[in-house]
Amino acid sequence: MSKNIDFKKEKNRILPKFENNVIVDFSSPTVWASTKMNEFTNFLVDDNQFYKYHLHIFNEIVSLLKNTTVQDAHKNFKHYCVIDGTKRTEVNSIIYKLLEKVKPTSTSTQLNEYLEQNFNDQAILEIGIKSVLLIGYYQNNIFNVIFVDYHHLLFPDVHYNSKDSDIYDICPYNRAFKKEQENGS
């Protein structure tokens, strides 16, 4: 299961020590993509759930992060931990599946290289309040969000999990991509 973050060292991954406030970066190509894998899904039920969760992400999680330093961020969140062990392997598999979706013309070799170059040496964390968790890593004082666990399914908890999330099928990335195609962008 998850553990509290150790800012000194985590399995040979050095975590940053910066005094500047945290900046949250949502520019990863996978951040709004959805996938299903085993018990995990980050698909949504409908557009209302999308808006509700994104208000929560920006009004609560990002607001707290941007008003704190990397060193103190863990004090503001119930869910703030390094993802390691078998969960880290699961996260890498989820990232790979998301990359397949957002980079459909890439070969498996290219996707594995991208994964290795961008994520393998990083300490991946979950940060969140209530059920919504941001999965990402720090680069200096910037928290780079890789994907969103909307239903708290990486670390299942009866208090936060949606009972019927396995039937959800709305992907924010697909919706945006389809609208771009319809508009000729």
C-alpha atoms as a PDB file:
ATOM      1  CA  MET A   1       0.000   0.000   0.000  1.00  0.00           C
ATOM      2  CA  SER A   2       1.042   3.641  -0.079  1.00  0.00           C
ATOM      3  CA  LYS A   3       3.422   5.230   2.369  1.00  0.00           C
ATOM      4  CA  ASN A   4       4.310   8.721   3.465  1.00  0.00           C
ATOM      5  CA  ILE A   5       6.815  10.457   1.244  1.00  0.00           C
ATOM      6  CA  ASP A   6      10.439  10.481   2.384  1.00  0.00           C
ATOM      7  CA  PHE A   7      12.067  13.607   1.010  1.00  0.00           C
ATOM      8  CA  LYS A   8      15.569  12.265   1.485  1.00  0.00           C
ATOM      9  CA  LYS A   9      15.551   9.153  -0.658  1.00  0.00           C
ATOM     10  CA  GLU A  10      13.165   6.587  -2.073  1.00  0.00           C
ATOM     11  CA  LYS A  11      14.765   3.477  -3.552  1.00  0.00           C
ATOM     12  CA  ASN A  12      17.649   5.375  -5.170  1.00  0.00           C
ATOM     13  CA  ARG A  13      15.347   8.056  -6.554  1.00  0.00           C
ATOM     14  CA  ILE A  14      16.269  11.399  -5.076  1.00  0.00           C
ATOM     15  CA  LEU A  15      13.268  13.601  -4.468  1.00  0.00           C
ATOM     16  CA  PRO A  16      13.660  17.351  -4.898  1.00  0.00           C
ATOM     17  CA  LYS A  17      14.138  19.913  -2.167  1.00  0.00           C
ATOM     18  CA  PHE A  18      12.971  23.328  -3.384  1.00  0.00           C
ATOM     19  CA  GLU A  19      11.768  26.387  -1.521  1.00  0.00           C
ATOM     20  CA  ASN A  20       9.663  27.810  -4.390  1.00  0.00           C
ATOM     21  CA  ASN A  21       5.965  27.136  -4.465  1.00  0.00           C
ATOM     22  CA  VAL A  22       4.742  24.177  -6.483  1.00  0.00           C
ATOM     23  CA  ILE A  23       3.695  24.726 -10.086  1.00  0.00           C
ATOM     24  CA  VAL A  24       1.325  22.123 -11.543  1.00  0.00           C
ATOM     25  CA  ASP A  25       1.937  21.140 -15.166  1.00  0.00           C
ATOM     26  CA  PHE A  26      -0.839  19.422 -17.149  1.00  0.00           C
ATOM     27  CA  SER A  27       1.067  19.315 -20.467  1.00  0.00           C
ATOM     28  CA  SER A  28       1.754  15.557 -20.569  1.00  0.00           C
ATOM     29  CA  PRO A  29       0.088  14.061 -23.643  1.00  0.00           C
ATOM     30  CA  THR A  30      -1.504  11.400 -21.405  1.00  0.00           C
ATOM     31  CA  VAL A  31      -2.997  13.648 -18.734  1.00  0.00           C
ATOM     32  CA  TRP A  32      -6.625  13.701 -19.988  1.00  0.00           C
ATOM     33  CA  ALA A  33      -6.612  10.287 -21.679  1.00  0.00           C
ATOM     34  CA  SER A  34      -8.519   7.358 -20.185  1.00  0.00           C
ATOM     35  CA  THR A  35      -7.910   3.633 -20.057  1.00  0.00           C
ATOM     36  CA  LYS A  36      -9.049   0.462 -18.325  1.00  0.00           C
ATOM     37  CA  MET A  37      -6.654  -2.106 -16.918  1.00  0.00           C
ATOM     38  CA  ASN A  38      -7.565  -4.835 -14.426  1.00  0.00           C
ATOM     39  CA  GLU A  39      -9.527  -3.076 -11.664  1.00  0.00           C
ATOM     40  CA  PHE A  40      -8.345   0.389 -12.718  1.00  0.00           C
ATOM     41  CA  THR A  41     -10.266   2.804 -14.932  1.00  0.00           C
ATOM     42  CA  ASN A  42     -10.168   6.534 -15.310  1.00  0.00           C
ATOM     43  CA  PHE A  43     -13.067   6.732 -17.731  1.00  0.00           C
ATOM     44  CA  LEU A  44     -15.938   8.943 -16.585  1.00  0.00           C
ATOM     45  CA  VAL A  45     -19.691   8.396 -16.503  1.00  0.00           C
ATOM     46  CA  ASP A  46     -20.702  11.631 -18.291  1.00  0.00           C
ATOM     47  CA  ASP A  47     -19.833  15.270 -18.950  1.00  0.00           C
ATOM     48  CA  ASN A  48     -21.239  16.367 -15.580  1.00  0.00           C
ATOM     49  CA  GLN A  49     -18.803  14.102 -13.763  1.00  0.00           C
ATOM     50  CA  PHE A  50     -15.983  15.513 -15.904  1.00  0.00           C
ATOM     51  CA  TYR A  51     -16.861  19.093 -14.904  1.00  0.00           C
ATOM     52  CA  LYS A  52     -17.384  18.193 -11.253  1.00  0.00           C
ATOM     53  CA  TYR A  53     -14.016  16.444 -10.990  1.00  0.00           C
ATOM     54  CA  HIS A  54     -12.157  19.157 -12.878  1.00  0.00           C
ATOM     55  CA  LEU A  55     -13.593  21.841 -10.627  1.00  0.00           C
ATOM     56  CA  HIS A  56     -12.316  19.746  -7.719  1.00  0.00           C
ATOM     57  CA  ILE A  57      -8.877  19.333  -9.336  1.00  0.00           C
ATOM     58  CA  PHE A  58      -8.384  23.032 -10.041  1.00  0.00           C
ATOM     59  CA  ASN A  59     -10.270  24.629  -7.140  1.00  0.00           C
ATOM     60  CA  GLU A  60      -8.971  22.325  -4.424  1.00  0.00           C
ATOM     61  CA  ILE A  61      -5.918  20.245  -5.375  1.00  0.00           C
ATOM     62  CA  VAL A  62      -4.112  22.763  -7.604  1.00  0.00           C
ATOM     63  CA  SER A  63      -5.021  25.648  -5.303  1.00  0.00           C
ATOM     64  CA  LEU A  64      -3.436  23.879  -2.344  1.00  0.00           C
ATOM     65  CA  LEU A  65      -0.364  22.798  -4.299  1.00  0.00           C
ATOM     66  CA  LYS A  66       0.399  26.220  -5.756  1.00  0.00           C
ATOM     67  CA  ASN A  67       0.319  27.779  -2.294  1.00  0.00           C
ATOM     68  CA  THR A  68       2.924  25.471  -0.799  1.00  0.00           C
ATOM     69  CA  THR A  69       6.472  24.294  -1.382  1.00  0.00           C
ATOM     70  CA  VAL A  70       7.513  20.797  -2.446  1.00  0.00           C
ATOM     71  CA  GLN A  71       8.847  20.271   1.079  1.00  0.00           C
ATOM     72  CA  ASP A  72       5.522  21.125   2.740  1.00  0.00           C
ATOM     73  CA  ALA A  73       2.989  19.897   0.178  1.00  0.00           C
ATOM     74  CA  HIS A  74       2.514  16.552   1.933  1.00  0.00           C
ATOM     75  CA  LYS A  75       1.070  18.376   4.966  1.00  0.00           C
ATOM     76  CA  ASN A  76      -1.942  19.569   2.946  1.00  0.00           C
ATOM     77  CA  PHE A  77      -3.102  16.283   1.465  1.00  0.00           C
ATOM     78  CA  LYS A  78      -4.659  13.148   2.866  1.00  0.00           C
ATOM     79  CA  HIS A  79      -3.382  11.288  -0.193  1.00  0.00           C
ATOM     80  CA  TYR A  80       0.281  12.098  -0.841  1.00  0.00           C
ATOM     81  CA  CYS A  81       2.698   9.256  -1.334  1.00  0.00           C
ATOM     82  CA  VAL A  82       5.351   7.721  -3.529  1.00  0.00           C
ATOM     83  CA  ILE A  83       4.035   4.875  -5.666  1.00  0.00           C
ATOM     84  CA  ASP A  84       6.437   1.952  -5.585  1.00  0.00           C
ATOM     85  CA  GLY A  85       6.639  -1.830  -5.827  1.00  0.00           C
ATOM     86  CA  THR A  86       3.864  -3.620  -7.680  1.00  0.00           C
ATOM     87  CA  LYS A  87       1.779  -0.436  -7.811  1.00  0.00           C
ATOM     88  CA  ARG A  88       4.621   1.304  -9.638  1.00  0.00           C
ATOM     89  CA  THR A  89       4.657  -1.534 -12.174  1.00  0.00           C
ATOM     90  CA  GLU A  90       0.896  -1.102 -12.564  1.00  0.00           C
ATOM     91  CA  VAL A  91       1.311   2.666 -13.053  1.00  0.00           C
ATOM     92  CA  ASN A  92       3.957   2.070 -15.736  1.00  0.00           C
ATOM     93  CA  SER A  93       1.522  -0.270 -17.529  1.00  0.00           C
ATOM     94  CA  ILE A  94      -1.254   2.326 -17.298  1.00  0.00           C
ATOM     95  CA  ILE A  95       1.062   5.004 -18.702  1.00  0.00           C
ATOM     96  CA  TYR A  96       2.019   2.672 -21.550  1.00  0.00           C
ATOM     97  CA  LYS A  97      -1.673   2.074 -22.403  1.00  0.00           C
ATOM     98  CA  LEU A  98      -2.340   5.813 -22.297  1.00  0.00           C
ATOM     99  CA  LEU A  99       0.631   6.432 -24.586  1.00  0.00           C
ATOM    100  CA  GLU A 100      -0.784   3.888 -27.045  1.00  0.00           C
ATOM    101  CA  LYS A 101      -3.960   5.983 -27.157  1.00  0.00           C
ATOM    102  CA  VAL A 102      -2.328   9.402 -27.589  1.00  0.00           C
ATOM    103  CA  LYS A 103       0.496   8.240 -29.863  1.00  0.00           C
ATOM    104  CA  PRO A 104      -1.306   5.658 -32.028  1.00  0.00           C
ATOM    105  CA  THR A 105       1.282   5.657 -34.827  1.00  0.00           C
ATOM    106  CA  SER A 106       4.191   4.927 -32.469  1.00  0.00           C
ATOM    107  CA  THR A 107       5.729   1.464 -32.349  1.00  0.00           C
ATOM    108  CA  SER A 108       6.004  -0.454 -29.085  1.00  0.00           C
ATOM    109  CA  THR A 109       9.763   0.251 -29.140  1.00  0.00           C
ATOM    110  CA  GLN A 110       9.109   3.989 -29.433  1.00  0.00           C
ATOM    111  CA  LEU A 111       6.545   3.892 -26.627  1.00  0.00           C
ATOM    112  CA  ASN A 112       8.914   1.962 -24.351  1.00  0.00           C
ATOM    113  CA  GLU A 113      11.716   4.435 -25.111  1.00  0.00           C
ATOM    114  CA  TYR A 114       9.383   7.360 -24.344  1.00  0.00           C
ATOM    115  CA  LEU A 115       8.328   5.712 -21.092  1.00  0.00           C
ATOM    116  CA  GLU A 116      11.932   5.037 -20.098  1.00  0.00           C
ATOM    117  CA  GLN A 117      13.209   8.506 -21.029  1.00  0.00           C
ATOM    118  CA  ASN A 118      10.397  10.400 -19.338  1.00  0.00           C
ATOM    119  CA  PHE A 119       9.242   8.379 -16.342  1.00  0.00           C
ATOM    120  CA  ASN A 120      11.453   5.476 -15.259  1.00  0.00           C
ATOM    121  CA  ASP A 121      13.923   7.505 -13.195  1.00  0.00           C
ATOM    122  CA  GLN A 122      11.208   9.593 -11.592  1.00  0.00           C
ATOM    123  CA  ALA A 123       9.628   9.053  -8.201  1.00  0.00           C
ATOM    124  CA  ILE A 124       5.954   8.829  -9.166  1.00  0.00           C
ATOM    125  CA  LEU A 125       3.503  10.190  -6.593  1.00  0.00           C
ATOM    126  CA  GLU A 126      -0.209  10.272  -6.000  1.00  0.00           C
ATOM    127  CA  ILE A 127      -1.534  13.577  -4.701  1.00  0.00           C
ATOM    128  CA  GLY A 128      -5.160  14.266  -3.913  1.00  0.00           C
ATOM    129  CA  ILE A 129      -8.079  15.004  -1.697  1.00  0.00           C
ATOM    130  CA  LYS A 130     -11.136  12.774  -1.406  1.00  0.00           C
ATOM    131  CA  SER A 131     -11.488  10.460  -4.390  1.00  0.00           C
ATOM    132  CA  VAL A 132      -9.584  12.294  -7.152  1.00  0.00           C
ATOM    133  CA  LEU A 133      -5.831  11.691  -7.334  1.00  0.00           C
ATOM    134  CA  LEU A 134      -3.235  13.289  -9.586  1.00  0.00           C
ATOM    135  CA  ILE A 135      -0.502  10.843 -10.615  1.00  0.00           C
ATOM    136  CA  GLY A 136       2.778  12.501 -11.527  1.00  0.00           C
ATOM    137  CA  TYR A 137       6.305  13.460 -10.554  1.00  0.00           C
ATOM    138  CA  TYR A 138       8.321  16.470  -9.465  1.00  0.00           C
ATOM    139  CA  GLN A 139      10.890  18.128 -11.683  1.00  0.00           C
ATOM    140  CA  ASN A 140      12.356  20.872  -9.518  1.00  0.00           C
ATOM    141  CA  ASN A 141       9.283  22.596  -8.045  1.00  0.00           C
ATOM    142  CA  ILE A 142       7.018  21.573 -10.939  1.00  0.00           C
ATOM    143  CA  PHE A 143       4.582  18.716 -10.378  1.00  0.00           C
ATOM    144  CA  ASN A 144       4.076  17.093 -13.793  1.00  0.00           C
ATOM    145  CA  VAL A 145       0.717  15.332 -13.930  1.00  0.00           C
ATOM    146  CA  ILE A 146       0.844  12.124 -15.999  1.00  0.00           C
ATOM    147  CA  PHE A 147      -2.774  11.055 -15.539  1.00  0.00           C
ATOM    148  CA  VAL A 148      -5.743  11.420 -13.223  1.00  0.00           C
ATOM    149  CA  ASP A 149      -7.134   8.598 -11.073  1.00  0.00           C
ATOM    150  CA  TYR A 150     -10.682   9.970 -10.889  1.00  0.00           C
ATOM    151  CA  HIS A 151     -12.048   7.072  -8.838  1.00  0.00           C
ATOM    152  CA  HIS A 152      -9.208   6.335  -6.382  1.00  0.00           C
ATOM    153  CA  LEU A 153      -8.701   2.902  -7.943  1.00  0.00           C
ATOM    154  CA  LEU A 154      -4.906   2.634  -7.811  1.00  0.00           C
ATOM    155  CA  PHE A 155      -5.266   2.257  -4.053  1.00  0.00           C
ATOM    156  CA  PRO A 156      -8.818   0.959  -3.608  1.00  0.00           C
ATOM    157  CA  ASP A 157     -10.702   2.260  -0.605  1.00  0.00           C
ATOM    158  CA  VAL A 158     -14.381   1.630   0.144  1.00  0.00           C
ATOM    159  CA  HIS A 159     -14.750   5.279   1.226  1.00  0.00           C
ATOM    160  CA  TYR A 160     -13.729   6.650  -2.181  1.00  0.00           C
ATOM    161  CA  ASN A 161     -14.367   4.070  -4.911  1.00  0.00           C
ATOM    162  CA  SER A 162     -17.348   4.284  -7.219  1.00  0.00           C
ATOM    163  CA  LYS A 163     -19.252   1.005  -7.207  1.00  0.00           C
ATOM    164  CA  ASP A 164     -20.054   1.053 -10.921  1.00  0.00           C
ATOM    165  CA  SER A 165     -16.931   2.657 -12.404  1.00  0.00           C
ATOM    166  CA  ASP A 166     -16.295  -0.410 -14.563  1.00  0.00           C
ATOM    167  CA  ILE A 167     -19.152   0.640 -16.883  1.00  0.00           C
ATOM    168  CA  TYR A 168     -17.917   4.230 -17.390  1.00  0.00           C
ATOM    169  CA  ASP A 169     -16.882   5.015 -20.960  1.00  0.00           C
ATOM    170  CA  ILE A 170     -16.322   8.776 -21.323  1.00  0.00           C
ATOM    171  CA  CYS A 171     -12.724   9.775 -22.124  1.00  0.00           C
ATOM    172  CA  PRO A 172     -11.953  13.537 -22.013  1.00  0.00           C
ATOM    173  CA  TYR A 173      -9.098  13.073 -24.504  1.00  0.00           C
ATOM    174  CA  ASN A 174     -11.330  11.288 -27.028  1.00  0.00           C
ATOM    175  CA  ARG A 175     -14.021  13.951 -26.663  1.00  0.00           C
ATOM    176  CA  ALA A 176     -11.533  16.759 -27.329  1.00  0.00           C
ATOM    177  CA  PHE A 177      -9.902  14.880 -30.218  1.00  0.00           C
ATOM    178  CA  LYS A 178     -13.275  14.198 -31.884  1.00  0.00           C
ATOM    179  CA  LYS A 179     -14.287  17.870 -31.555  1.00  0.00           C
ATOM    180  CA  GLU A 180     -10.999  18.933 -33.184  1.00  0.00           C
ATOM    181  CA  GLN A 181     -11.688  16.564 -36.092  1.00  0.00           C
ATOM    182  CA  GLU A 182     -15.266  17.849 -36.466  1.00  0.00           C
ATOM    183  CA  ASN A 183     -14.039  21.450 -36.496  1.00  0.00           C
ATOM    184  CA  GLY A 184     -11.351  20.651 -39.056  1.00  0.00           C
ATOM    185  CA  SER A 185      -8.460  21.484 -36.699  1.00  0.00           C
END
